[in-house]
Amino acid sequence: ADHYLRVEVLNSGPSVLAGESARPDRDRPKPDGAGRGLLGLRERV
């Protein structure tokens, strides 16, 4: 955009409403970006 850059990444997967899980919870991103990597990205941004 003229005054900002927007980056968005979407991925498919099981619906949280259905309560399904493709892999164990320990291998999935933590809710609301609580993982170390996403926390680091939030600080960078």
ModelCIF file with pLDDT and N, C-alpha, C, O atoms, coordinates in Angstrom:
data_MODEL
#
_entry.id   MODEL 
#
_entity.id                         1 
_entity.type                       polymer 
_entity.pdbx_number_of_molecules   1 
#
_entity_poly.entity_id                      1 
_entity_poly.type                           'polypeptide(L)' 
_entity_poly.nstd_linkage                   no 
_entity_poly.nstd_monomer                   no 
_entity_poly.pdbx_seq_one_letter_code       ADHYLRVEVLNSGPSVLAGESARPDRDRPKPDGAGRGLLGLRERV 
_entity_poly.pdbx_seq_one_letter_code_can   ADHYLRVEVLNSGPSVLAGESARPDRDRPKPDGAGRGLLGLRERV 
_entity_poly.pdbx_strand_id                 A 
#
loop_
_entity_poly_seq.entity_id 
_entity_poly_seq.num 
_entity_poly_seq.mon_id 
_entity_poly_seq.hetero 
1 1  ALA n 
1 2  ASP n 
1 3  HIS n 
1 4  TYR n 
1 5  LEU n 
1 6  ARG n 
1 7  VAL n 
1 8  GLU n 
1 9  VAL n 
1 10 LEU n 
1 11 ASN n 
1 12 SER n 
1 13 GLY n 
1 14 PRO n 
1 15 SER n 
1 16 VAL n 
1 17 LEU n 
1 18 ALA n 
1 19 GLY n 
1 20 GLU n 
1 21 SER n 
1 22 ALA n 
1 23 ARG n 
1 24 PRO n 
1 25 ASP n 
1 26 ARG n 
1 27 ASP n 
1 28 ARG n 
1 29 PRO n 
1 30 LYS n 
1 31 PRO n 
1 32 ASP n 
1 33 GLY n 
1 34 ALA n 
1 35 GLY n 
1 36 ARG n 
1 37 GLY n 
1 38 LEU n 
1 39 LEU n 
1 40 GLY n 
1 41 LEU n 
1 42 ARG n 
1 43 GLU n 
1 44 ARG n 
1 45 VAL n 
#
_struct_asym.id          A 
_struct_asym.entity_id   1 
#
loop_
_ma_qa_metric.id 
_ma_qa_metric.mode 
_ma_qa_metric.name 
_ma_qa_metric.software_group_id 
_ma_qa_metric.type 
1 global pLDDT . pLDDT 
2 local  pLDDT . pLDDT 
#
_ma_qa_metric_global.metric_id      1 
_ma_qa_metric_global.metric_value   66.60 
_ma_qa_metric_global.model_id       1 
_ma_qa_metric_global.ordinal_id     1 
#
loop_
_ma_qa_metric_local.label_asym_id 
_ma_qa_metric_local.label_comp_id 
_ma_qa_metric_local.label_seq_id 
_ma_qa_metric_local.metric_id 
_ma_qa_metric_local.metric_value 
_ma_qa_metric_local.model_id 
_ma_qa_metric_local.ordinal_id 
A ALA 1  2 92.00 1 1  
A ASP 2  2 88.00 1 2  
A HIS 3  2 90.00 1 3  
A TYR 4  2 92.00 1 4  
A LEU 5  2 94.00 1 5  
A ARG 6  2 95.00 1 6  
A VAL 7  2 94.00 1 7  
A GLU 8  2 95.00 1 8  
A VAL 9  2 93.00 1 9  
A LEU 10 2 92.00 1 10 
A ASN 11 2 89.00 1 11 
A SER 12 2 85.00 1 12 
A GLY 13 2 72.00 1 13 
A PRO 14 2 64.00 1 14 
A SER 15 2 56.00 1 15 
A VAL 16 2 50.00 1 16 
A LEU 17 2 54.00 1 17 
A ALA 18 2 50.00 1 18 
A GLY 19 2 49.00 1 19 
A GLU 20 2 47.00 1 20 
A SER 21 2 47.00 1 21 
A ALA 22 2 43.00 1 22 
A ARG 23 2 45.00 1 23 
A PRO 24 2 44.00 1 24 
A ASP 25 2 43.00 1 25 
A ARG 26 2 41.00 1 26 
A ASP 27 2 41.00 1 27 
A ARG 28 2 44.00 1 28 
A PRO 29 2 43.00 1 29 
A LYS 30 2 44.00 1 30 
A PRO 31 2 41.00 1 31 
A ASP 32 2 40.00 1 32 
A GLY 33 2 41.00 1 33 
A ALA 34 2 44.00 1 34 
A GLY 35 2 57.00 1 35 
A ARG 36 2 65.00 1 36 
A GLY 37 2 73.00 1 37 
A LEU 38 2 77.00 1 38 
A LEU 39 2 79.00 1 39 
A GLY 40 2 80.00 1 40 
A LEU 41 2 84.00 1 41 
A ARG 42 2 86.00 1 42 
A GLU 43 2 83.00 1 43 
A ARG 44 2 83.00 1 44 
A VAL 45 2 88.00 1 45 
#
loop_
_atom_site.group_PDB 
_atom_site.id 
_atom_site.type_symbol 
_atom_site.label_atom_id 
_atom_site.label_alt_id 
_atom_site.label_comp_id 
_atom_site.label_asym_id 
_atom_site.label_entity_id 
_atom_site.label_seq_id 
_atom_site.pdbx_PDB_ins_code 
_atom_site.Cartn_x 
_atom_site.Cartn_y 
_atom_site.Cartn_z 
_atom_site.occupancy 
_atom_site.B_iso_or_equiv 
_atom_site.pdbx_formal_charge 
_atom_site.auth_seq_id 
_atom_site.auth_comp_id 
_atom_site.auth_asym_id 
_atom_site.auth_atom_id 
_atom_site.pdbx_PDB_model_num 
ATOM 1   N N  . ALA A 1 1  ? 0.843   -1.186  0.000  1.00 92.00 ? 1  ALA A N  1 
ATOM 2   C CA . ALA A 1 1  ? 0.000   0.000   0.000  1.00 92.00 ? 1  ALA A CA 1 
ATOM 3   C C  . ALA A 1 1  ? 0.885   1.244   0.000  1.00 92.00 ? 1  ALA A C  1 
ATOM 4   O O  . ALA A 1 1  ? 2.110   1.150   0.080  1.00 92.00 ? 1  ALA A O  1 
ATOM 5   N N  . ASP A 1 2  ? 0.247   2.410   -0.091 1.00 88.00 ? 2  ASP A N  1 
ATOM 6   C CA . ASP A 1 2  ? 1.014   3.655   -0.151 1.00 88.00 ? 2  ASP A CA 1 
ATOM 7   C C  . ASP A 1 2  ? 1.833   3.897   1.108  1.00 88.00 ? 2  ASP A C  1 
ATOM 8   O O  . ASP A 1 2  ? 2.970   4.364   1.043  1.00 88.00 ? 2  ASP A O  1 
ATOM 9   N N  . HIS A 1 3  ? 1.241   3.573   2.260  1.00 90.00 ? 3  HIS A N  1 
ATOM 10  C CA . HIS A 1 3  ? 1.884   3.937   3.521  1.00 90.00 ? 3  HIS A CA 1 
ATOM 11  C C  . HIS A 1 3  ? 2.176   2.742   4.434  1.00 90.00 ? 3  HIS A C  1 
ATOM 12  O O  . HIS A 1 3  ? 2.677   2.921   5.544  1.00 90.00 ? 3  HIS A O  1 
ATOM 13  N N  . TYR A 1 4  ? 1.870   1.541   3.980  1.00 92.00 ? 4  TYR A N  1 
ATOM 14  C CA . TYR A 1 4  ? 2.122   0.390   4.834  1.00 92.00 ? 4  TYR A CA 1 
ATOM 15  C C  . TYR A 1 4  ? 2.278   -0.868  3.984  1.00 92.00 ? 4  TYR A C  1 
ATOM 16  O O  . TYR A 1 4  ? 1.913   -0.897  2.809  1.00 92.00 ? 4  TYR A O  1 
ATOM 17  N N  . LEU A 1 5  ? 2.829   -1.902  4.610  1.00 94.00 ? 5  LEU A N  1 
ATOM 18  C CA . LEU A 1 5  ? 2.964   -3.224  4.012  1.00 94.00 ? 5  LEU A CA 1 
ATOM 19  C C  . LEU A 1 5  ? 2.129   -4.203  4.830  1.00 94.00 ? 5  LEU A C  1 
ATOM 20  O O  . LEU A 1 5  ? 2.216   -4.222  6.058  1.00 94.00 ? 5  LEU A O  1 
ATOM 21  N N  . ARG A 1 6  ? 1.329   -5.010  4.156  1.00 95.00 ? 6  ARG A N  1 
ATOM 22  C CA . ARG A 1 6  ? 0.529   -6.020  4.867  1.00 95.00 ? 6  ARG A CA 1 
ATOM 23  C C  . ARG A 1 6  ? 0.947   -7.399  4.382  1.00 95.00 ? 6  ARG A C  1 
ATOM 24  O O  . ARG A 1 6  ? 1.024   -7.653  3.180  1.00 95.00 ? 6  ARG A O  1 
ATOM 25  N N  . VAL A 1 7  ? 1.214   -8.279  5.326  1.00 94.00 ? 7  VAL A N  1 
ATOM 26  C CA . VAL A 1 7  ? 1.588   -9.657  5.034  1.00 94.00 ? 7  VAL A CA 1 
ATOM 27  C C  . VAL A 1 7  ? 0.604   -10.570 5.759  1.00 94.00 ? 7  VAL A C  1 
ATOM 28  O O  . VAL A 1 7  ? 0.395   -10.433 6.965  1.00 94.00 ? 7  VAL A O  1 
ATOM 29  N N  . GLU A 1 8  ? 0.005   -11.498 5.024  1.00 95.00 ? 8  GLU A N  1 
ATOM 30  C CA . GLU A 1 8  ? -0.961  -12.421 5.624  1.00 95.00 ? 8  GLU A CA 1 
ATOM 31  C C  . GLU A 1 8  ? -0.679  -13.829 5.134  1.00 95.00 ? 8  GLU A C  1 
ATOM 32  O O  . GLU A 1 8  ? -0.474  -14.056 3.942  1.00 95.00 ? 8  GLU A O  1 
ATOM 33  N N  . VAL A 1 9  ? -0.672  -14.771 6.067  1.00 93.00 ? 9  VAL A N  1 
ATOM 34  C CA . VAL A 1 9  ? -0.475  -16.180 5.740  1.00 93.00 ? 9  VAL A CA 1 
ATOM 35  C C  . VAL A 1 9  ? -1.629  -16.966 6.358  1.00 93.00 ? 9  VAL A C  1 
ATOM 36  O O  . VAL A 1 9  ? -1.837  -16.934 7.571  1.00 93.00 ? 9  VAL A O  1 
ATOM 37  N N  . LEU A 1 10 ? -2.370  -17.669 5.513  1.00 92.00 ? 10 LEU A N  1 
ATOM 38  C CA . LEU A 1 10 ? -3.475  -18.520 5.950  1.00 92.00 ? 10 LEU A CA 1 
ATOM 39  C C  . LEU A 1 10 ? -3.121  -19.963 5.651  1.00 92.00 ? 10 LEU A C  1 
ATOM 40  O O  . LEU A 1 10 ? -2.539  -20.255 4.606  1.00 92.00 ? 10 LEU A O  1 
ATOM 41  N N  . ASN A 1 11 ? -3.463  -20.869 6.554  1.00 89.00 ? 11 ASN A N  1 
ATOM 42  C CA . ASN A 1 11 ? -3.307  -22.279 6.236  1.00 89.00 ? 11 ASN A CA 1 
ATOM 43  C C  . ASN A 1 11 ? -4.564  -23.031 6.622  1.00 89.00 ? 11 ASN A C  1 
ATOM 44  O O  . ASN A 1 11 ? -5.275  -22.654 7.554  1.00 89.00 ? 11 ASN A O  1 
ATOM 45  N N  . SER A 1 12 ? -4.822  -24.091 5.895  1.00 85.00 ? 12 SER A N  1 
ATOM 46  C CA . SER A 1 12 ? -5.999  -24.913 6.159  1.00 85.00 ? 12 SER A CA 1 
ATOM 47  C C  . SER A 1 12 ? -5.705  -25.860 7.306  1.00 85.00 ? 12 SER A C  1 
ATOM 48  O O  . SER A 1 12 ? -4.568  -25.990 7.761  1.00 85.00 ? 12 SER A O  1 
ATOM 49  N N  . GLY A 1 13 ? -6.745  -26.508 7.752  1.00 72.00 ? 13 GLY A N  1 
ATOM 50  C CA . GLY A 1 13 ? -6.584  -27.440 8.862  1.00 72.00 ? 13 GLY A CA 1 
ATOM 51  C C  . GLY A 1 13 ? -7.922  -27.763 9.472  1.00 72.00 ? 13 GLY A C  1 
ATOM 52  O O  . GLY A 1 13 ? -8.942  -27.237 9.027  1.00 72.00 ? 13 GLY A O  1 
ATOM 53  N N  . PRO A 1 14 ? -7.949  -28.618 10.485 1.00 64.00 ? 14 PRO A N  1 
ATOM 54  C CA . PRO A 1 14 ? -9.203  -28.997 11.118 1.00 64.00 ? 14 PRO A CA 1 
ATOM 55  C C  . PRO A 1 14 ? -9.883  -27.810 11.782 1.00 64.00 ? 14 PRO A C  1 
ATOM 56  O O  . PRO A 1 14 ? -9.212  -26.917 12.300 1.00 64.00 ? 14 PRO A O  1 
ATOM 57  N N  . SER A 1 15 ? -11.181 -27.797 11.769 1.00 56.00 ? 15 SER A N  1 
ATOM 58  C CA . SER A 1 15 ? -11.931 -26.733 12.418 1.00 56.00 ? 15 SER A CA 1 
ATOM 59  C C  . SER A 1 15 ? -11.851 -26.868 13.929 1.00 56.00 ? 15 SER A C  1 
ATOM 60  O O  . SER A 1 15 ? -11.979 -27.967 14.470 1.00 56.00 ? 15 SER A O  1 
ATOM 61  N N  . VAL A 1 16 ? -11.638 -25.746 14.608 1.00 50.00 ? 16 VAL A N  1 
ATOM 62  C CA . VAL A 1 16 ? -11.610 -25.784 16.065 1.00 50.00 ? 16 VAL A CA 1 
ATOM 63  C C  . VAL A 1 16 ? -13.001 -26.064 16.613 1.00 50.00 ? 16 VAL A C  1 
ATOM 64  O O  . VAL A 1 16 ? -13.134 -26.510 17.752 1.00 50.00 ? 16 VAL A O  1 
ATOM 65  N N  . LEU A 1 17 ? -14.049 -25.807 15.816 1.00 54.00 ? 17 LEU A N  1 
ATOM 66  C CA . LEU A 1 17 ? -15.418 -26.081 16.270 1.00 54.00 ? 17 LEU A CA 1 
ATOM 67  C C  . LEU A 1 17 ? -15.689 -27.574 16.295 1.00 54.00 ? 17 LEU A C  1 
ATOM 68  O O  . LEU A 1 17 ? -16.476 -28.060 17.107 1.00 54.00 ? 17 LEU A O  1 
ATOM 69  N N  . ALA A 1 18 ? -15.019 -28.311 15.381 1.00 50.00 ? 18 ALA A N  1 
ATOM 70  C CA . ALA A 1 18 ? -15.232 -29.754 15.326 1.00 50.00 ? 18 ALA A CA 1 
ATOM 71  C C  . ALA A 1 18 ? -14.378 -30.495 16.332 1.00 50.00 ? 18 ALA A C  1 
ATOM 72  O O  . ALA A 1 18 ? -14.606 -31.675 16.599 1.00 50.00 ? 18 ALA A O  1 
ATOM 73  N N  . GLY A 1 19 ? -13.388 -29.803 16.897 1.00 49.00 ? 19 GLY A N  1 
ATOM 74  C CA . GLY A 1 19 ? -12.531 -30.410 17.907 1.00 49.00 ? 19 GLY A CA 1 
ATOM 75  C C  . GLY A 1 19 ? -11.586 -31.446 17.351 1.00 49.00 ? 19 GLY A C  1 
ATOM 76  O O  . GLY A 1 19 ? -11.102 -32.314 18.077 1.00 49.00 ? 19 GLY A O  1 
ATOM 77  N N  . GLU A 1 20 ? -11.315 -31.351 16.013 1.00 47.00 ? 20 GLU A N  1 
ATOM 78  C CA . GLU A 1 20 ? -10.424 -32.315 15.398 1.00 47.00 ? 20 GLU A CA 1 
ATOM 79  C C  . GLU A 1 20 ? -8.990  -31.852 15.511 1.00 47.00 ? 20 GLU A C  1 
ATOM 80  O O  . GLU A 1 20 ? -8.721  -30.674 15.743 1.00 47.00 ? 20 GLU A O  1 
ATOM 81  N N  . SER A 1 21 ? -8.079  -32.780 15.348 1.00 47.00 ? 21 SER A N  1 
ATOM 82  C CA . SER A 1 21 ? -6.663  -32.434 15.436 1.00 47.00 ? 21 SER A CA 1 
ATOM 83  C C  . SER A 1 21 ? -5.876  -33.280 14.475 1.00 47.00 ? 21 SER A C  1 
ATOM 84  O O  . SER A 1 21 ? -5.947  -34.508 14.511 1.00 47.00 ? 21 SER A O  1 
ATOM 85  N N  . ALA A 1 22 ? -5.117  -32.619 13.603 1.00 43.00 ? 22 ALA A N  1 
ATOM 86  C CA . ALA A 1 22 ? -4.305  -33.358 12.645 1.00 43.00 ? 22 ALA A CA 1 
ATOM 87  C C  . ALA A 1 22 ? -3.077  -33.954 13.297 1.00 43.00 ? 22 ALA A C  1 
ATOM 88  O O  . ALA A 1 22 ? -2.597  -35.010 12.885 1.00 43.00 ? 22 ALA A O  1 
ATOM 89  N N  . ARG A 1 23 ? -2.564  -33.275 14.321 1.00 45.00 ? 23 ARG A N  1 
ATOM 90  C CA . ARG A 1 23 ? -1.377  -33.743 15.006 1.00 45.00 ? 23 ARG A CA 1 
ATOM 91  C C  . ARG A 1 23 ? -1.500  -33.367 16.471 1.00 45.00 ? 23 ARG A C  1 
ATOM 92  O O  . ARG A 1 23 ? -2.338  -32.541 16.835 1.00 45.00 ? 23 ARG A O  1 
ATOM 93  N N  . PRO A 1 24 ? -0.656  -33.977 17.327 1.00 44.00 ? 24 PRO A N  1 
ATOM 94  C CA . PRO A 1 24 ? -0.735  -33.636 18.747 1.00 44.00 ? 24 PRO A CA 1 
ATOM 95  C C  . PRO A 1 24 ? -0.563  -32.156 18.989 1.00 44.00 ? 24 PRO A C  1 
ATOM 96  O O  . PRO A 1 24 ? 0.098   -31.461 18.217 1.00 44.00 ? 24 PRO A O  1 
ATOM 97  N N  . ASP A 1 25 ? -1.164  -31.674 20.070 1.00 43.00 ? 25 ASP A N  1 
ATOM 98  C CA . ASP A 1 25 ? -1.133  -30.241 20.382 1.00 43.00 ? 25 ASP A CA 1 
ATOM 99  C C  . ASP A 1 25 ? 0.276   -29.712 20.533 1.00 43.00 ? 25 ASP A C  1 
ATOM 100 O O  . ASP A 1 25 ? 0.531   -28.544 20.242 1.00 43.00 ? 25 ASP A O  1 
ATOM 101 N N  . ARG A 1 26 ? 1.186   -30.540 20.977 1.00 41.00 ? 26 ARG A N  1 
ATOM 102 C CA . ARG A 1 26 ? 2.540   -30.027 21.204 1.00 41.00 ? 26 ARG A CA 1 
ATOM 103 C C  . ARG A 1 26 ? 3.212   -29.638 19.891 1.00 41.00 ? 26 ARG A C  1 
ATOM 104 O O  . ARG A 1 26 ? 4.167   -28.861 19.895 1.00 41.00 ? 26 ARG A O  1 
ATOM 105 N N  . ASP A 1 27 ? 2.716   -30.180 18.742 1.00 41.00 ? 27 ASP A N  1 
ATOM 106 C CA . ASP A 1 27 ? 3.314   -29.873 17.446 1.00 41.00 ? 27 ASP A CA 1 
ATOM 107 C C  . ASP A 1 27 ? 2.619   -28.727 16.730 1.00 41.00 ? 27 ASP A C  1 
ATOM 108 O O  . ASP A 1 27 ? 3.008   -28.370 15.619 1.00 41.00 ? 27 ASP A O  1 
ATOM 109 N N  . ARG A 1 28 ? 1.589   -28.139 17.352 1.00 44.00 ? 28 ARG A N  1 
ATOM 110 C CA . ARG A 1 28 ? 0.829   -27.096 16.700 1.00 44.00 ? 28 ARG A CA 1 
ATOM 111 C C  . ARG A 1 28 ? 1.172   -25.743 17.299 1.00 44.00 ? 28 ARG A C  1 
ATOM 112 O O  . ARG A 1 28 ? 1.609   -25.661 18.446 1.00 44.00 ? 28 ARG A O  1 
ATOM 113 N N  . PRO A 1 29 ? 0.974   -24.674 16.523 1.00 43.00 ? 29 PRO A N  1 
ATOM 114 C CA . PRO A 1 29 ? 1.209   -23.349 17.088 1.00 43.00 ? 29 PRO A CA 1 
ATOM 115 C C  . PRO A 1 29 ? 0.325   -23.116 18.285 1.00 43.00 ? 29 PRO A C  1 
ATOM 116 O O  . PRO A 1 29 ? -0.832  -23.536 18.288 1.00 43.00 ? 29 PRO A O  1 
ATOM 117 N N  . LYS A 1 30 ? 0.835   -22.462 19.294 1.00 44.00 ? 30 LYS A N  1 
ATOM 118 C CA . LYS A 1 30 ? 0.054   -22.185 20.476 1.00 44.00 ? 30 LYS A CA 1 
ATOM 119 C C  . LYS A 1 30 ? -1.007  -21.130 20.185 1.00 44.00 ? 30 LYS A C  1 
ATOM 120 O O  . LYS A 1 30 ? -0.816  -20.304 19.293 1.00 44.00 ? 30 LYS A O  1 
ATOM 121 N N  . PRO A 1 31 ? -2.130  -21.139 20.922 1.00 41.00 ? 31 PRO A N  1 
ATOM 122 C CA . PRO A 1 31 ? -3.196  -20.195 20.649 1.00 41.00 ? 31 PRO A CA 1 
ATOM 123 C C  . PRO A 1 31 ? -2.704  -18.764 20.669 1.00 41.00 ? 31 PRO A C  1 
ATOM 124 O O  . PRO A 1 31 ? -1.872  -18.377 21.490 1.00 41.00 ? 31 PRO A O  1 
ATOM 125 N N  . ASP A 1 32 ? -3.254  -17.974 19.723 1.00 40.00 ? 32 ASP A N  1 
ATOM 126 C CA . ASP A 1 32 ? -2.991  -16.540 19.654 1.00 40.00 ? 32 ASP A CA 1 
ATOM 127 C C  . ASP A 1 32 ? -1.506  -16.216 19.551 1.00 40.00 ? 32 ASP A C  1 
ATOM 128 O O  . ASP A 1 32 ? -1.044  -15.191 20.052 1.00 40.00 ? 32 ASP A O  1 
ATOM 129 N N  . GLY A 1 33 ? -0.777  -17.094 18.900 1.00 41.00 ? 33 GLY A N  1 
ATOM 130 C CA . GLY A 1 33 ? 0.634   -16.790 18.631 1.00 41.00 ? 33 GLY A CA 1 
ATOM 131 C C  . GLY A 1 33 ? 1.510   -16.795 19.856 1.00 41.00 ? 33 GLY A C  1 
ATOM 132 O O  . GLY A 1 33 ? 2.416   -15.970 19.974 1.00 41.00 ? 33 GLY A O  1 
ATOM 133 N N  . ALA A 1 34 ? 1.253   -17.725 20.789 1.00 44.00 ? 34 ALA A N  1 
ATOM 134 C CA . ALA A 1 34 ? 2.028   -17.737 22.024 1.00 44.00 ? 34 ALA A CA 1 
ATOM 135 C C  . ALA A 1 34 ? 3.364   -18.438 21.871 1.00 44.00 ? 34 ALA A C  1 
ATOM 136 O O  . ALA A 1 34 ? 4.162   -18.457 22.808 1.00 44.00 ? 34 ALA A O  1 
ATOM 137 N N  . GLY A 1 35 ? 3.632   -19.040 20.654 1.00 57.00 ? 35 GLY A N  1 
ATOM 138 C CA . GLY A 1 35 ? 4.902   -19.700 20.449 1.00 57.00 ? 35 GLY A CA 1 
ATOM 139 C C  . GLY A 1 35 ? 6.048   -18.718 20.433 1.00 57.00 ? 35 GLY A C  1 
ATOM 140 O O  . GLY A 1 35 ? 5.865   -17.523 20.204 1.00 57.00 ? 35 GLY A O  1 
ATOM 141 N N  . ARG A 1 36 ? 7.250   -19.248 20.684 1.00 65.00 ? 36 ARG A N  1 
ATOM 142 C CA . ARG A 1 36 ? 8.429   -18.377 20.756 1.00 65.00 ? 36 ARG A CA 1 
ATOM 143 C C  . ARG A 1 36 ? 8.658   -17.639 19.439 1.00 65.00 ? 36 ARG A C  1 
ATOM 144 O O  . ARG A 1 36 ? 8.961   -16.446 19.430 1.00 65.00 ? 36 ARG A O  1 
ATOM 145 N N  . GLY A 1 37 ? 8.508   -18.376 18.304 1.00 73.00 ? 37 GLY A N  1 
ATOM 146 C CA . GLY A 1 37 ? 8.741   -17.749 17.024 1.00 73.00 ? 37 GLY A CA 1 
ATOM 147 C C  . GLY A 1 37 ? 7.796   -16.597 16.747 1.00 73.00 ? 37 GLY A C  1 
ATOM 148 O O  . GLY A 1 37 ? 8.227   -15.532 16.304 1.00 73.00 ? 37 GLY A O  1 
ATOM 149 N N  . LEU A 1 38 ? 6.511   -16.799 17.005 1.00 77.00 ? 38 LEU A N  1 
ATOM 150 C CA . LEU A 1 38 ? 5.534   -15.747 16.743 1.00 77.00 ? 38 LEU A CA 1 
ATOM 151 C C  . LEU A 1 38 ? 5.678   -14.597 17.732 1.00 77.00 ? 38 LEU A C  1 
ATOM 152 O O  . LEU A 1 38 ? 5.437   -13.442 17.379 1.00 77.00 ? 38 LEU A O  1 
ATOM 153 N N  . LEU A 1 39 ? 6.067   -14.899 18.959 1.00 79.00 ? 39 LEU A N  1 
ATOM 154 C CA . LEU A 1 39 ? 6.331   -13.813 19.906 1.00 79.00 ? 39 LEU A CA 1 
ATOM 155 C C  . LEU A 1 39 ? 7.499   -12.958 19.428 1.00 79.00 ? 39 LEU A C  1 
ATOM 156 O O  . LEU A 1 39 ? 7.462   -11.731 19.523 1.00 79.00 ? 39 LEU A O  1 
ATOM 157 N N  . GLY A 1 40 ? 8.531   -13.613 18.917 1.00 80.00 ? 40 GLY A N  1 
ATOM 158 C CA . GLY A 1 40 ? 9.666   -12.868 18.385 1.00 80.00 ? 40 GLY A CA 1 
ATOM 159 C C  . GLY A 1 40 ? 9.272   -12.014 17.192 1.00 80.00 ? 40 GLY A C  1 
ATOM 160 O O  . GLY A 1 40 ? 9.745   -10.887 17.048 1.00 80.00 ? 40 GLY A O  1 
ATOM 161 N N  . LEU A 1 41 ? 8.398   -12.553 16.325 1.00 84.00 ? 41 LEU A N  1 
ATOM 162 C CA . LEU A 1 41 ? 7.926   -11.779 15.181 1.00 84.00 ? 41 LEU A CA 1 
ATOM 163 C C  . LEU A 1 41 ? 7.106   -10.581 15.625 1.00 84.00 ? 41 LEU A C  1 
ATOM 164 O O  . LEU A 1 41 ? 7.221   -9.498  15.052 1.00 84.00 ? 41 LEU A O  1 
ATOM 165 N N  . ARG A 1 42 ? 6.284   -10.770 16.637 1.00 86.00 ? 42 ARG A N  1 
ATOM 166 C CA . ARG A 1 42 ? 5.473   -9.645  17.132 1.00 86.00 ? 42 ARG A CA 1 
ATOM 167 C C  . ARG A 1 42 ? 6.379   -8.520  17.638 1.00 86.00 ? 42 ARG A C  1 
ATOM 168 O O  . ARG A 1 42 ? 6.088   -7.343  17.425 1.00 86.00 ? 42 ARG A O  1 
ATOM 169 N N  . GLU A 1 43 ? 7.474   -8.881  18.307 1.00 83.00 ? 43 GLU A N  1 
ATOM 170 C CA . GLU A 1 43 ? 8.410   -7.869  18.787 1.00 83.00 ? 43 GLU A CA 1 
ATOM 171 C C  . GLU A 1 43 ? 9.120   -7.185  17.617 1.00 83.00 ? 43 GLU A C  1 
ATOM 172 O O  . GLU A 1 43 ? 9.340   -5.974  17.652 1.00 83.00 ? 43 GLU A O  1 
ATOM 173 N N  . ARG A 1 44 ? 9.479   -7.949  16.582 1.00 83.00 ? 44 ARG A N  1 
ATOM 174 C CA . ARG A 1 44 ? 10.127  -7.356  15.413 1.00 83.00 ? 44 ARG A CA 1 
ATOM 175 C C  . ARG A 1 44 ? 9.209   -6.337  14.744 1.00 83.00 ? 44 ARG A C  1 
ATOM 176 O O  . ARG A 1 44 ? 9.631   -5.232  14.403 1.00 83.00 ? 44 ARG A O  1 
ATOM 177 N N  . VAL A 1 45 ? 7.946   -6.726  14.561 1.00 88.00 ? 45 VAL A N  1 
ATOM 178 C CA . VAL A 1 45 ? 6.985   -5.843  13.896 1.00 88.00 ? 45 VAL A CA 1 
ATOM 179 C C  . VAL A 1 45 ? 6.766   -4.581  14.725 1.00 88.00 ? 45 VAL A C  1 
ATOM 180 O O  . VAL A 1 45 ? 5.989   -3.711  14.331 1.00 88.00 ? 45 VAL A O  1 
#
